[in-house]
Structure formats: structure tokens, C-alpha cells
Protein backbone atom coordinates (compact mmCIF):
# COMPACT_ATOMS: atom_id res chain seq x y z
CA MET A 1 19.60 27.04 -16.45
CA VAL A 2 18.28 23.92 -18.19
CA GLU A 3 17.77 22.15 -14.86
CA ILE A 4 15.79 25.07 -13.41
CA THR A 5 13.59 25.16 -16.51
CA LEU A 6 13.01 21.42 -16.21
CA TRP A 7 11.91 21.76 -12.58
CA ILE A 8 9.59 24.66 -13.47
CA ILE A 9 7.96 22.53 -16.15
CA ALA A 10 7.75 19.64 -13.68
CA PHE A 11 6.06 21.96 -11.17
CA ILE A 12 3.43 22.90 -13.74
CA VAL A 13 2.86 19.29 -14.87
CA GLY A 14 2.77 18.06 -11.26
CA SER A 15 0.32 20.77 -10.23
CA LEU A 16 -2.03 19.97 -13.11
CA SER A 17 -1.73 16.26 -12.36
CA ALA A 18 -2.57 16.88 -8.71
CA GLY A 19 -5.56 18.95 -9.81
CA ARG A 20 -6.89 16.07 -11.89
CA ILE A 21 -6.36 13.48 -9.17
CA THR A 22 -7.95 15.77 -6.57
CA ARG A 23 -10.98 16.30 -8.78
CA LEU A 24 -11.21 12.57 -9.51
CA ILE A 25 -11.31 11.73 -5.81
CA ALA A 26 -13.31 14.65 -4.42
CA HIS A 27 -15.87 15.45 -7.11
CA ASP A 28 -16.07 13.11 -10.11
CA SER A 29 -18.95 10.73 -10.69
CA PHE A 30 -16.61 7.91 -11.75
CA PRO A 31 -18.06 4.81 -10.01
CA ALA A 32 -14.81 3.92 -8.22
CA SER A 33 -14.57 7.49 -6.88
CA ILE A 34 -18.14 7.41 -5.61
CA LYS A 35 -17.57 4.02 -4.00
CA PHE A 36 -14.39 5.28 -2.34
CA ARG A 37 -16.13 8.39 -0.95
CA MET A 38 -18.98 6.22 0.38
CA TRP A 39 -16.46 3.90 2.05
CA TRP A 40 -14.68 6.94 3.54
CA ASP A 41 -17.98 8.34 4.85
CA ASN A 42 -18.78 5.04 6.54
CA LYS A 43 -15.36 4.97 8.22
CA THR A 44 -15.26 8.64 9.28
CA GLU A 45 -18.89 9.77 9.50
CA ASP A 46 -18.58 11.76 12.75
CA SER A 47 -14.86 12.48 12.51
CA LEU A 48 -13.14 15.74 11.71
CA TRP A 49 -11.34 13.77 8.97
CA ASN A 50 -14.55 13.20 7.02
CA PRO A 51 -14.32 16.33 4.81
CA LEU A 52 -10.84 15.34 3.59
CA PHE A 53 -12.04 13.45 0.51
CA HIS A 54 -14.91 15.84 -0.20
CA CYS A 55 -13.00 19.12 -0.12
CA HIS A 56 -10.56 19.92 -2.91
CA TRP A 57 -8.85 22.52 -0.72
CA CYS A 58 -8.25 19.91 1.99
CA LEU A 59 -7.26 17.07 -0.31
CA SER A 60 -4.95 18.79 -2.78
CA PHE A 61 -2.07 19.13 -0.31
CA TRP A 62 -2.17 15.38 0.39
CA ILE A 63 -2.18 14.66 -3.34
CA ILE A 64 0.65 17.03 -4.26
CA LEU A 65 2.85 15.80 -1.41
CA PRO A 66 3.54 12.30 -2.84
CA ILE A 67 3.75 13.71 -6.38
CA GLY A 68 6.41 16.18 -5.24
CA LEU A 69 8.28 13.56 -3.23
CA TRP A 70 8.20 11.17 -6.18
CA ALA A 71 9.64 13.91 -8.42
CA TRP A 72 12.37 14.79 -5.96
CA LEU A 73 13.34 11.27 -4.86
CA SER A 74 13.31 9.86 -8.40
CA ASP A 75 15.02 12.93 -9.85
CA LEU A 76 12.12 13.22 -12.28
CA HIS A 77 12.32 9.64 -13.46
CA THR A 78 10.59 8.83 -16.77
CA SER A 79 7.79 7.05 -14.88
CA TRP A 80 7.03 10.32 -13.08
CA TRP A 81 6.79 12.18 -16.38
CA VAL A 82 4.60 9.54 -18.04
CA PHE A 83 2.08 9.28 -15.20
CA ASN A 84 1.87 12.99 -14.42
CA THR A 85 1.79 14.12 -18.04
CA ILE A 86 -1.14 11.78 -18.69
CA MET A 87 -2.97 13.06 -15.61
CA ALA A 88 -2.21 16.70 -16.48
CA ALA A 89 -3.43 16.23 -20.06
CA ALA A 90 -6.55 14.47 -18.75
CA TYR A 91 -7.23 17.61 -16.72
CA VAL A 92 -6.45 20.23 -19.36
CA ALA A 93 -8.19 18.56 -22.32
CA PRO A 94 -11.71 18.57 -20.81
CA MET A 95 -11.27 22.20 -19.72
CA VAL A 96 -10.44 23.14 -23.31
CA VAL A 97 -13.41 21.18 -24.65
CA GLU A 98 -15.73 22.71 -22.04
CA ARG A 99 -14.76 26.22 -23.11
CA ASP A 100 -14.77 25.36 -26.82
CA GLN A 101 -18.37 24.16 -26.97
CA LYS A 102 -20.70 26.19 -29.10
CA ASP A 103 -24.13 26.84 -27.62
């Protein structure tokens, strides 16, 4: 039962982490993200692959895939928990702040 609970928690943390990474790549105004999307556009401007890094629906699968593989292959190694917990918290914290602002 403990192992199942651990994997359920890992699923939640991994999903939130993937959400943050997807947003970082597809939508954020972080200069490195913008530069990456511009580079991608130059490489794929007329290709069907172009929307990949602009569409969170398209990109999220390709983000969650390595996160899930890393979890499974490392048997939830500490490095997986550290990285993904930081990314998950970096996604949840701004959502809380956004909804907590007083107008």
C-alpha cells in the first residue's frame, strides 16, 4: 500500500512539474524561452512540427514522457524528487499568489 501511495504522489508531482515545464517552454516570457521559440520557428517555419513548442496540448505529452521514464527507470531516485518537486512548487506557488491577490 505504501508503494502505491508513493507512486500516486509521484504522479501528482510529475504532472505539476510537467505543467510548469510546458508553460515555461510554450508560453512564458522568460528570455531563454522566447529565444528558444524563435530558434524553433526559424527551423520549422513551414513544417507541421512548428506548433509543437507553441501549443501546450501538443507539448505536454513530450514533456511528461521523459519525466515518467525518469521516475520509472530510476525507481523515483532522490534526484527525480528534488527536480520535480521544485518544478511543481514553482507552478503551484504562482497560481496561489494569482488567486490570493486583492483587487
